[in-house]
Amino acid sequence: MLHGAAYAALGLDWTYERIECDEAGLPGLVASLGPEWAGLSVTMPGKRAALRVADTASDRAVAVGAANTLVHRPDGSWHADCTDVDGVAGALLVAAAYQPRAGDPALVLGAGGTACAALAAFAALGLSSATLVVRDRTRAADAEDCADRLSLPVTVLEWDTADFRALAANCAVLVTTAPAQAVEPIAADLAGARHLLDVIYHPWPTPLAAAAAESGAHLATGLDMLLHQAFGQVELFTAQAAPRVAMRDALRDAVADPVPLPL
C-alpha cells in the first residue's frame, strides 16, 4: 500500500504488485523484464541474489552484502541498492529522536540481514563502533564481514553471558532484531538506552515498547523502518521526492495497532 499511495500522490499511472519468485529464479525474472519496468523491491531470501544479478551496485549494498532494491535504468541495466539502511537510519533519527554525535557506540541484538543494515546505518551516521549480541557466536560471521567492509569496529558477545543493563546504559542507540519472547525478560534493562529501534512491532505494544514507555526512552518500531526504506525506494524508482505524508497515512490506515509513525 505504501508504493501505491506514493505513485497516486505523484500522479503516476503505475502499478506495484507482488511476484512470487525464489532466489534461484530471480536472474531469469530480471532478464525477462522489459523497459516498462521501473524496478523491483526484493525481500528475503532474494536480497543476496539481487546484488549478484545487478550490473552495478551502491557502496552500501556491497557493504551489507544484499540489496532490497533493483532499479531499471534507461540503458537497460539494473542497479542494486539497499534502502534497508535508510529504514534503520530514518527510524532512529525521526521516531527514536536520535541526534548523531561522532564517536557514539551502538548495540545490536541479532546478527542477520537487518543487523547488517543497522551496521551500515551506524557507519553512515558517524557512530564509532558497535556491539553485537548473538545466541550463537558462529552465526555472526556475515555481520562481522559487513562491519569490516564498513571499517566499523565491532565486538561480538554471546547472549547467555551479556550484561544487558550495562550494555544498554553505555550505548547511544540500540537496535533489536530479536523476537519479543527473547526480549521480554530483559526489556527493562534494554530500556535503559535512550534511543531504541525494536524491529518487532506486532502485537503492540511489544515488551520493549512497554518498558520504553516506563523509562522515557525514545522508541522506533519496525513500521518506522518499513516506512523510511520505502521512501528511499520510491525516490530511486521515480527520481522524485517521496510523498511522505501520503505514504505514512496509507501505512497508518493499513495497520490495526496504534503505532506512532512520526515524520
Protein backbone atom coordinates (compact mmCIF):
# COMPACT_ATOMS: atom_id res chain seq x y z
CA MET A 1 0.00 0.00 0.00
CA LEU A 2 2.98 2.32 0.53
CA HIS A 3 4.05 2.31 -3.10
CA GLY A 4 0.51 2.53 -4.42
CA ALA A 5 -0.16 5.58 -2.26
CA ALA A 6 3.12 7.14 -3.37
CA TYR A 7 2.52 6.75 -7.10
CA ALA A 8 -1.06 8.01 -6.80
CA ALA A 9 0.15 11.08 -4.91
CA LEU A 10 2.81 11.70 -7.56
CA GLY A 11 0.23 11.44 -10.34
CA LEU A 12 1.86 8.35 -11.86
CA ASP A 13 -0.26 5.66 -13.52
CA TRP A 14 1.98 2.91 -12.13
CA THR A 15 1.20 -0.47 -10.63
CA TYR A 16 3.05 -2.22 -7.82
CA GLU A 17 2.30 -5.91 -7.49
CA ARG A 18 3.62 -8.97 -5.71
CA ILE A 19 5.57 -11.55 -7.74
CA GLU A 20 6.37 -14.96 -6.30
CA CYS A 21 9.99 -15.77 -7.17
CA ASP A 22 12.63 -17.69 -5.28
CA GLU A 23 16.33 -16.88 -5.15
CA ALA A 24 17.20 -19.28 -7.97
CA GLY A 25 14.55 -17.79 -10.25
CA LEU A 26 15.48 -14.13 -9.75
CA PRO A 27 18.09 -13.88 -12.55
CA GLY A 28 15.62 -15.25 -15.08
CA LEU A 29 12.86 -12.94 -13.87
CA VAL A 30 15.07 -9.88 -14.11
CA ALA A 31 16.26 -10.85 -17.60
CA SER A 32 12.64 -11.21 -18.77
CA LEU A 33 11.52 -7.70 -17.76
CA GLY A 34 11.08 -5.06 -20.43
CA PRO A 35 11.73 -1.29 -20.37
CA GLU A 36 8.30 -0.59 -18.89
CA TRP A 37 9.58 -1.90 -15.54
CA ALA A 38 10.97 0.82 -13.25
CA GLY A 39 12.34 -1.58 -10.69
CA LEU A 40 11.83 -4.32 -8.15
CA SER A 41 11.52 -4.44 -4.40
CA VAL A 42 13.20 -7.63 -3.21
CA THR A 43 12.54 -9.44 0.06
CA MET A 44 14.43 -12.28 1.70
CA PRO A 45 15.67 -14.75 0.68
CA GLY A 46 16.27 -12.96 -2.62
CA LYS A 47 18.32 -10.00 -1.42
CA ARG A 48 21.73 -11.60 -1.90
CA ALA A 49 20.73 -12.82 -5.34
CA ALA A 50 19.56 -9.30 -6.21
CA LEU A 51 23.03 -7.97 -5.51
CA ARG A 52 24.60 -10.66 -7.69
CA VAL A 53 22.25 -10.15 -10.64
CA ALA A 54 22.72 -6.37 -10.82
CA ASP A 55 25.06 -4.71 -13.30
CA THR A 56 26.06 -2.07 -10.75
CA ALA A 57 25.52 -1.59 -7.03
CA SER A 58 25.71 1.13 -4.43
CA ASP A 59 28.55 1.06 -1.93
CA ARG A 60 26.14 0.38 0.91
CA ALA A 61 24.55 -2.59 -0.86
CA VAL A 62 28.01 -4.05 -1.40
CA ALA A 63 28.87 -3.44 2.26
CA VAL A 64 25.65 -5.06 3.52
CA GLY A 65 26.06 -7.91 1.05
CA ALA A 66 22.44 -7.69 -0.06
CA ALA A 67 20.03 -5.48 -1.99
CA ASN A 68 16.33 -4.90 -1.39
CA THR A 69 16.02 -2.64 -4.44
CA LEU A 70 16.72 -3.17 -8.14
CA VAL A 71 16.40 -0.07 -10.32
CA HIS A 72 15.93 -0.46 -14.08
CA ARG A 73 17.98 2.21 -15.79
CA PRO A 74 17.24 3.77 -19.22
CA ASP A 75 20.11 1.86 -20.84
CA GLY A 76 18.52 -1.42 -19.76
CA SER A 77 20.99 -2.14 -16.95
CA TRP A 78 19.99 -2.94 -13.39
CA HIS A 79 21.34 -1.11 -10.35
CA ALA A 80 21.19 -2.60 -6.85
CA ASP A 81 20.74 -0.61 -3.67
CA CYS A 82 19.84 -1.31 -0.05
CA THR A 83 17.27 1.12 1.28
CA ASP A 84 17.03 -1.00 4.43
CA VAL A 85 19.88 1.26 5.53
CA ASP A 86 17.59 4.28 5.05
CA GLY A 87 14.97 2.41 7.04
CA VAL A 88 17.19 1.98 10.09
CA ALA A 89 18.71 5.46 9.89
CA GLY A 90 15.37 7.19 9.33
CA ALA A 91 13.67 5.28 12.13
CA LEU A 92 16.44 6.21 14.57
CA LEU A 93 16.63 9.86 13.54
CA VAL A 94 12.90 10.56 13.38
CA ALA A 95 10.96 8.12 15.55
CA ALA A 96 13.71 7.49 18.12
CA ALA A 97 14.81 11.15 18.15
CA TYR A 98 18.48 10.28 17.87
CA GLN A 99 20.87 13.14 17.15
CA PRO A 100 24.14 11.65 15.91
CA ARG A 101 27.38 12.53 17.62
CA ALA A 102 30.74 11.44 16.28
CA GLY A 103 32.13 8.63 18.39
CA ASP A 104 28.82 7.29 19.70
CA PRO A 105 28.69 3.50 20.27
CA ALA A 106 25.80 1.29 19.20
CA LEU A 107 24.31 -2.01 20.35
CA VAL A 108 22.56 -4.61 18.16
CA LEU A 109 20.74 -7.73 19.29
CA GLY A 110 21.00 -10.28 16.49
CA ALA A 111 23.34 -10.73 13.54
CA GLY A 112 21.12 -11.36 10.50
CA GLY A 113 20.34 -9.22 7.48
CA THR A 114 18.69 -6.44 9.46
CA ALA A 115 21.72 -6.29 11.74
CA CYS A 116 23.93 -5.74 8.69
CA ALA A 117 21.68 -2.92 7.50
CA ALA A 118 21.89 -1.44 11.00
CA LEU A 119 25.69 -1.54 10.89
CA ALA A 120 25.66 0.32 7.58
CA ALA A 121 23.28 2.89 9.05
CA PHE A 122 25.59 3.37 12.03
CA ALA A 123 28.53 3.96 9.72
CA ALA A 124 26.52 6.48 7.68
CA LEU A 125 25.52 8.32 10.87
CA GLY A 126 29.12 8.52 12.06
CA LEU A 127 28.95 6.16 15.02
CA SER A 128 32.31 4.87 16.17
CA SER A 129 31.66 1.21 16.99
CA ALA A 130 29.03 -1.45 17.55
CA THR A 131 28.47 -4.40 19.82
CA LEU A 132 26.55 -7.41 18.55
CA VAL A 133 24.84 -9.76 20.99
CA VAL A 134 24.03 -13.14 19.45
CA ARG A 135 22.76 -16.54 20.53
CA ASP A 136 25.38 -18.38 18.51
CA ARG A 137 28.79 -16.77 18.02
CA THR A 138 29.39 -18.73 14.83
CA ARG A 139 26.38 -17.09 13.15
CA ALA A 140 27.87 -13.61 13.39
CA ALA A 141 30.35 -14.11 10.53
CA ASP A 142 28.30 -12.24 7.92
CA ALA A 143 27.77 -9.28 10.23
CA GLU A 144 31.45 -9.19 11.10
CA ASP A 145 32.35 -9.23 7.41
CA CYS A 146 29.88 -6.40 6.83
CA ALA A 147 31.46 -4.38 9.64
CA ASP A 148 34.89 -4.95 8.10
CA ARG A 149 33.69 -3.62 4.74
CA LEU A 150 32.32 -0.57 6.56
CA SER A 151 35.53 -0.09 8.60
CA LEU A 152 33.30 -0.13 11.68
CA PRO A 153 34.87 -1.75 14.74
CA VAL A 154 32.56 -4.43 16.12
CA THR A 155 32.57 -6.61 19.23
CA VAL A 156 30.55 -9.83 19.37
CA LEU A 157 29.14 -11.08 22.67
CA GLU A 158 27.10 -14.17 23.45
CA TRP A 159 23.54 -13.73 24.68
CA ASP A 160 23.82 -16.00 27.70
CA THR A 161 26.68 -14.06 29.27
CA ALA A 162 25.82 -10.50 28.18
CA ASP A 163 25.20 -7.80 30.81
CA PHE A 164 22.26 -6.18 29.04
CA ARG A 165 21.74 -3.48 31.66
CA ALA A 166 25.32 -2.23 31.35
CA LEU A 167 25.37 -2.58 27.56
CA ALA A 168 22.18 -0.56 27.15
CA ALA A 169 23.25 2.11 29.59
CA ASN A 170 26.52 2.64 27.74
CA CYS A 171 25.26 2.76 24.15
CA ALA A 172 23.94 5.73 22.20
CA VAL A 173 21.48 3.68 20.12
CA LEU A 174 20.12 0.15 20.44
CA VAL A 175 18.62 -1.92 17.62
CA THR A 176 17.00 -5.24 18.42
CA THR A 177 16.02 -7.79 15.80
CA ALA A 178 15.24 -10.44 18.42
CA PRO A 179 11.72 -11.87 18.83
CA ALA A 180 9.51 -10.47 21.56
CA GLN A 181 9.72 -13.59 23.71
CA ALA A 182 13.52 -13.30 23.81
CA VAL A 183 13.41 -9.60 24.67
CA GLU A 184 10.68 -9.76 27.31
CA PRO A 185 12.88 -10.94 30.24
CA ILE A 186 15.45 -8.18 29.56
CA ALA A 187 13.14 -5.41 28.31
CA ALA A 188 13.56 -3.24 31.41
CA ASP A 189 17.34 -3.48 31.09
CA LEU A 190 17.28 -2.61 27.39
CA ALA A 191 15.05 0.40 28.04
CA GLY A 192 17.99 1.97 29.82
CA ALA A 193 19.18 3.01 26.36
CA ARG A 194 17.80 6.38 25.32
CA HIS A 195 17.25 5.70 21.61
CA LEU A 196 15.80 2.34 20.56
CA LEU A 197 14.67 0.57 17.42
CA ASP A 198 12.58 -2.55 18.00
CA VAL A 199 12.19 -4.21 14.61
CA ILE A 200 9.27 -6.21 16.04
CA TYR A 201 6.00 -4.22 16.12
CA HIS A 202 3.20 -6.77 16.49
CA PRO A 203 1.44 -7.38 18.74
CA TRP A 204 1.59 -3.84 20.06
CA PRO A 205 2.87 -2.80 22.48
CA THR A 206 5.89 -5.08 22.39
CA PRO A 207 7.63 -5.81 25.71
CA LEU A 208 10.33 -3.30 24.80
CA ALA A 209 7.77 -0.66 23.82
CA ALA A 210 6.07 -1.03 27.18
CA ALA A 211 9.41 -0.81 29.01
CA ALA A 212 10.45 2.23 26.96
CA ALA A 213 7.21 3.98 27.89
CA GLU A 214 8.04 3.37 31.55
CA SER A 215 11.65 4.58 31.26
CA GLY A 216 11.01 7.51 28.97
CA ALA A 217 13.27 6.16 26.22
CA HIS A 218 12.62 7.13 22.60
CA LEU A 219 11.38 4.11 20.61
CA ALA A 220 11.18 3.45 16.87
CA THR A 221 9.49 0.34 15.51
CA GLY A 222 9.78 -1.94 12.52
CA LEU A 223 6.94 0.02 10.91
CA ASP A 224 9.06 3.17 11.08
CA MET A 225 11.86 1.22 9.42
CA LEU A 226 9.47 -0.09 6.76
CA LEU A 227 8.23 3.42 6.05
CA HIS A 228 11.65 5.01 5.71
CA GLN A 229 13.04 2.26 3.49
CA ALA A 230 10.01 2.71 1.23
CA PHE A 231 10.73 6.44 0.93
CA GLY A 232 14.13 5.55 -0.45
CA GLN A 233 12.76 3.00 -2.91
CA VAL A 234 10.14 5.37 -4.28
CA GLU A 235 12.77 8.04 -4.84
CA LEU A 236 15.06 5.58 -6.62
CA PHE A 237 12.23 4.32 -8.86
CA THR A 238 10.73 7.72 -9.72
CA ALA A 239 13.61 10.22 -9.33
CA GLN A 240 11.12 12.34 -7.37
CA ALA A 241 10.80 13.19 -3.68
CA ALA A 242 8.70 10.62 -1.86
CA PRO A 243 5.25 11.92 -0.78
CA ARG A 244 5.94 11.11 2.84
CA VAL A 245 2.66 12.21 4.37
CA ALA A 246 0.58 10.23 1.88
CA MET A 247 2.72 7.13 2.43
CA ARG A 248 2.64 7.45 6.22
CA ASP A 249 -1.13 7.92 6.21
CA ALA A 250 -1.59 4.84 4.00
CA LEU A 251 0.50 2.73 6.35
CA ARG A 252 -1.31 4.08 9.39
CA ASP A 253 -4.66 3.18 7.83
CA ALA A 254 -3.46 -0.34 7.00
CA VAL A 255 -2.32 -1.43 10.46
CA ALA A 256 -4.65 -2.31 13.28
CA ASP A 257 -2.25 -1.45 16.09
CA PRO A 258 -1.95 2.25 17.04
CA VAL A 259 1.81 2.52 16.40
CA PRO A 260 3.05 6.13 16.26
CA LEU A 261 4.58 7.00 12.88
CA PRO A 262 6.17 10.45 13.18
CA LEU A 263 7.68 12.23 10.19
